[in-house]
Amino acid sequence: EEESTFYLIVRFVSNLLIDQVYLLTLAILMLWSITYISWMEFVLLVLVCFLCICPKAKEASYSVAYPLVGYGTILVTIQYIYGLNLTKDELGGKKDIGLFRDNDE
């Protein structure tokens, strides 16, 4: 009986987490957009706030999940490239995507 009670508790908690995972995801996205402040992250924050006030938040979260993952991947890639300490010679062309550093000359 003790094993069955433990099994039922674990099953209940796992089902609860699975059913409410979209809320945890929205909270993590809000934390991410507040931690890394930029205009690109502001778009993410606006999207998450919109999803939170949407009447069918769960369905809306599932419908924007794949584009949101793509957008997040692009942001992480840009932050990785921006974090590299490259000189202008290493960067090549003069294509500007709106990322500036204080020490750029």
C-alpha atoms as a PDB file:
ATOM      1  CA  GLU A   1       0.000   0.000   0.000  1.00  0.00           C
ATOM      2  CA  GLU A   2       2.888   2.382   0.735  1.00  0.00           C
ATOM      3  CA  GLU A   3       4.283   1.969  -2.789  1.00  0.00           C
ATOM      4  CA  SER A   4       0.903   2.587  -4.350  1.00  0.00           C
ATOM      5  CA  THR A   5       0.454   5.803  -2.328  1.00  0.00           C
ATOM      6  CA  PHE A   6       3.890   7.018  -3.357  1.00  0.00           C
ATOM      7  CA  TYR A   7       3.125   6.087  -6.975  1.00  0.00           C
ATOM      8  CA  LEU A   8      -0.147   8.021  -6.854  1.00  0.00           C
ATOM      9  CA  ILE A   9       1.574  11.108  -5.419  1.00  0.00           C
ATOM     10  CA  VAL A  10       4.314  11.020  -8.065  1.00  0.00           C
ATOM     11  CA  ARG A  11       1.735  10.506 -10.787  1.00  0.00           C
ATOM     12  CA  PHE A  12      -0.378  13.415  -9.508  1.00  0.00           C
ATOM     13  CA  VAL A  13       2.609  15.789  -9.308  1.00  0.00           C
ATOM     14  CA  SER A  14       3.902  14.803 -12.748  1.00  0.00           C
ATOM     15  CA  ASN A  15       0.461  15.260 -14.323  1.00  0.00           C
ATOM     16  CA  LEU A  16       0.120  18.633 -12.613  1.00  0.00           C
ATOM     17  CA  LEU A  17       3.506  19.777 -13.948  1.00  0.00           C
ATOM     18  CA  ILE A  18       2.759  18.523 -17.442  1.00  0.00           C
ATOM     19  CA  ASP A  19      -0.634  20.234 -17.530  1.00  0.00           C
ATOM     20  CA  GLN A  20       0.762  23.560 -16.276  1.00  0.00           C
ATOM     21  CA  VAL A  21       4.134  23.569 -18.062  1.00  0.00           C
ATOM     22  CA  TYR A  22       3.075  26.423 -20.337  1.00  0.00           C
ATOM     23  CA  LEU A  23       2.754  28.726 -17.294  1.00  0.00           C
ATOM     24  CA  LEU A  24       6.274  27.849 -16.194  1.00  0.00           C
ATOM     25  CA  THR A  25       7.486  28.487 -19.733  1.00  0.00           C
ATOM     26  CA  LEU A  26       5.867  31.931 -19.805  1.00  0.00           C
ATOM     27  CA  ALA A  27       7.440  32.804 -16.447  1.00  0.00           C
ATOM     28  CA  ILE A  28      10.881  31.717 -17.689  1.00  0.00           C
ATOM     29  CA  LEU A  29      10.452  33.772 -20.873  1.00  0.00           C
ATOM     30  CA  MET A  30       9.542  36.836 -18.818  1.00  0.00           C
ATOM     31  CA  LEU A  31      12.592  36.332 -16.633  1.00  0.00           C
ATOM     32  CA  TRP A  32      14.803  35.938 -19.723  1.00  0.00           C
ATOM     33  CA  SER A  33      13.499  39.112 -21.356  1.00  0.00           C
ATOM     34  CA  ILE A  34      13.940  41.130 -18.162  1.00  0.00           C
ATOM     35  CA  THR A  35      17.446  39.778 -17.531  1.00  0.00           C
ATOM     36  CA  TYR A  36      18.827  40.449 -21.025  1.00  0.00           C
ATOM     37  CA  ILE A  37      17.652  43.974 -21.793  1.00  0.00           C
ATOM     38  CA  SER A  38      17.484  44.921 -25.473  1.00  0.00           C
ATOM     39  CA  TRP A  39      14.874  45.808 -28.073  1.00  0.00           C
ATOM     40  CA  MET A  40      14.901  42.245 -29.358  1.00  0.00           C
ATOM     41  CA  GLU A  41      14.078  40.987 -25.873  1.00  0.00           C
ATOM     42  CA  PHE A  42      11.355  43.628 -25.570  1.00  0.00           C
ATOM     43  CA  VAL A  43       9.556  41.899 -28.441  1.00  0.00           C
ATOM     44  CA  LEU A  44       9.749  38.668 -26.470  1.00  0.00           C
ATOM     45  CA  LEU A  45       8.388  40.360 -23.343  1.00  0.00           C
ATOM     46  CA  VAL A  46       5.452  41.858 -25.256  1.00  0.00           C
ATOM     47  CA  LEU A  47       4.649  38.460 -26.751  1.00  0.00           C
ATOM     48  CA  VAL A  48       4.705  36.775 -23.350  1.00  0.00           C
ATOM     49  CA  CYS A  49       2.531  39.484 -21.794  1.00  0.00           C
ATOM     50  CA  PHE A  50       0.064  39.063 -24.649  1.00  0.00           C
ATOM     51  CA  LEU A  51       0.014  35.304 -24.091  1.00  0.00           C
ATOM     52  CA  CYS A  52      -0.640  35.801 -20.381  1.00  0.00           C
ATOM     53  CA  ILE A  53      -3.712  37.964 -20.960  1.00  0.00           C
ATOM     54  CA  CYS A  54      -5.052  35.834 -23.790  1.00  0.00           C
ATOM     55  CA  PRO A  55      -8.271  34.033 -22.781  1.00  0.00           C
ATOM     56  CA  LYS A  56      -7.039  30.722 -24.188  1.00  0.00           C
ATOM     57  CA  ALA A  57      -3.441  31.019 -23.024  1.00  0.00           C
ATOM     58  CA  LYS A  58      -2.669  27.323 -23.279  1.00  0.00           C
ATOM     59  CA  GLU A  59      -3.770  27.019 -26.905  1.00  0.00           C
ATOM     60  CA  ALA A  60      -2.102  30.321 -27.806  1.00  0.00           C
ATOM     61  CA  SER A  61       1.152  29.175 -26.185  1.00  0.00           C
ATOM     62  CA  TYR A  62       1.117  25.979 -28.193  1.00  0.00           C
ATOM     63  CA  SER A  63       0.434  27.858 -31.431  1.00  0.00           C
ATOM     64  CA  VAL A  64       3.439  30.174 -31.051  1.00  0.00           C
ATOM     65  CA  ALA A  65       5.804  27.575 -29.582  1.00  0.00           C
ATOM     66  CA  TYR A  66       7.780  26.771 -32.747  1.00  0.00           C
ATOM     67  CA  PRO A  67       8.261  30.367 -33.937  1.00  0.00           C
ATOM     68  CA  LEU A  68       9.213  31.306 -30.370  1.00  0.00           C
ATOM     69  CA  VAL A  69      11.871  28.579 -30.279  1.00  0.00           C
ATOM     70  CA  GLY A  70      13.235  29.850 -33.593  1.00  0.00           C
ATOM     71  CA  TYR A  71      13.287  33.434 -32.333  1.00  0.00           C
ATOM     72  CA  GLY A  72      15.025  32.359 -29.128  1.00  0.00           C
ATOM     73  CA  THR A  73      17.626  30.428 -31.114  1.00  0.00           C
ATOM     74  CA  ILE A  74      18.314  33.485 -33.247  1.00  0.00           C
ATOM     75  CA  LEU A  75      18.685  35.665 -30.124  1.00  0.00           C
ATOM     76  CA  VAL A  76      21.088  33.222 -28.478  1.00  0.00           C
ATOM     77  CA  THR A  77      23.136  32.984 -31.684  1.00  0.00           C
ATOM     78  CA  ILE A  78      23.341  36.777 -31.994  1.00  0.00           C
ATOM     79  CA  GLN A  79      24.351  37.098 -28.348  1.00  0.00           C
ATOM     80  CA  TYR A  80      27.024  34.428 -28.834  1.00  0.00           C
ATOM     81  CA  ILE A  81      28.483  36.130 -31.903  1.00  0.00           C
ATOM     82  CA  TYR A  82      28.269  39.530 -30.217  1.00  0.00           C
ATOM     83  CA  GLY A  83      30.062  38.112 -27.184  1.00  0.00           C
ATOM     84  CA  LEU A  84      33.050  37.094 -29.291  1.00  0.00           C
ATOM     85  CA  ASN A  85      35.751  39.713 -29.095  1.00  0.00           C
ATOM     86  CA  LEU A  86      36.273  40.082 -32.853  1.00  0.00           C
ATOM     87  CA  THR A  87      37.993  42.955 -34.588  1.00  0.00           C
ATOM     88  CA  LYS A  88      36.561  44.718 -37.636  1.00  0.00           C
ATOM     89  CA  ASP A  89      39.019  42.856 -39.875  1.00  0.00           C
ATOM     90  CA  GLU A  90      37.727  39.510 -38.618  1.00  0.00           C
ATOM     91  CA  LEU A  91      34.107  40.528 -39.117  1.00  0.00           C
ATOM     92  CA  GLY A  92      34.587  41.138 -42.819  1.00  0.00           C
ATOM     93  CA  GLY A  93      31.937  43.260 -44.539  1.00  0.00           C
ATOM     94  CA  LYS A  94      30.298  46.366 -43.156  1.00  0.00           C
ATOM     95  CA  LYS A  95      26.838  44.897 -42.722  1.00  0.00           C
ATOM     96  CA  ASP A  96      25.190  46.458 -39.704  1.00  0.00           C
ATOM     97  CA  ILE A  97      22.489  44.572 -37.813  1.00  0.00           C
ATOM     98  CA  GLY A  98      22.150  47.131 -35.028  1.00  0.00           C
ATOM     99  CA  LEU A  99      24.607  45.714 -32.519  1.00  0.00           C
ATOM    100  CA  PHE A 100      27.163  48.198 -31.243  1.00  0.00           C
ATOM    101  CA  ARG A 101      29.821  48.042 -28.577  1.00  0.00           C
ATOM    102  CA  ASP A 102      31.285  50.963 -26.684  1.00  0.00           C
ATOM    103  CA  ASN A 103      34.783  50.015 -27.814  1.00  0.00           C
ATOM    104  CA  ASP A 104      33.899  49.806 -31.548  1.00  0.00           C
ATOM    105  CA  GLU A 105      35.911  52.213 -33.615  1.00  0.00           C
END
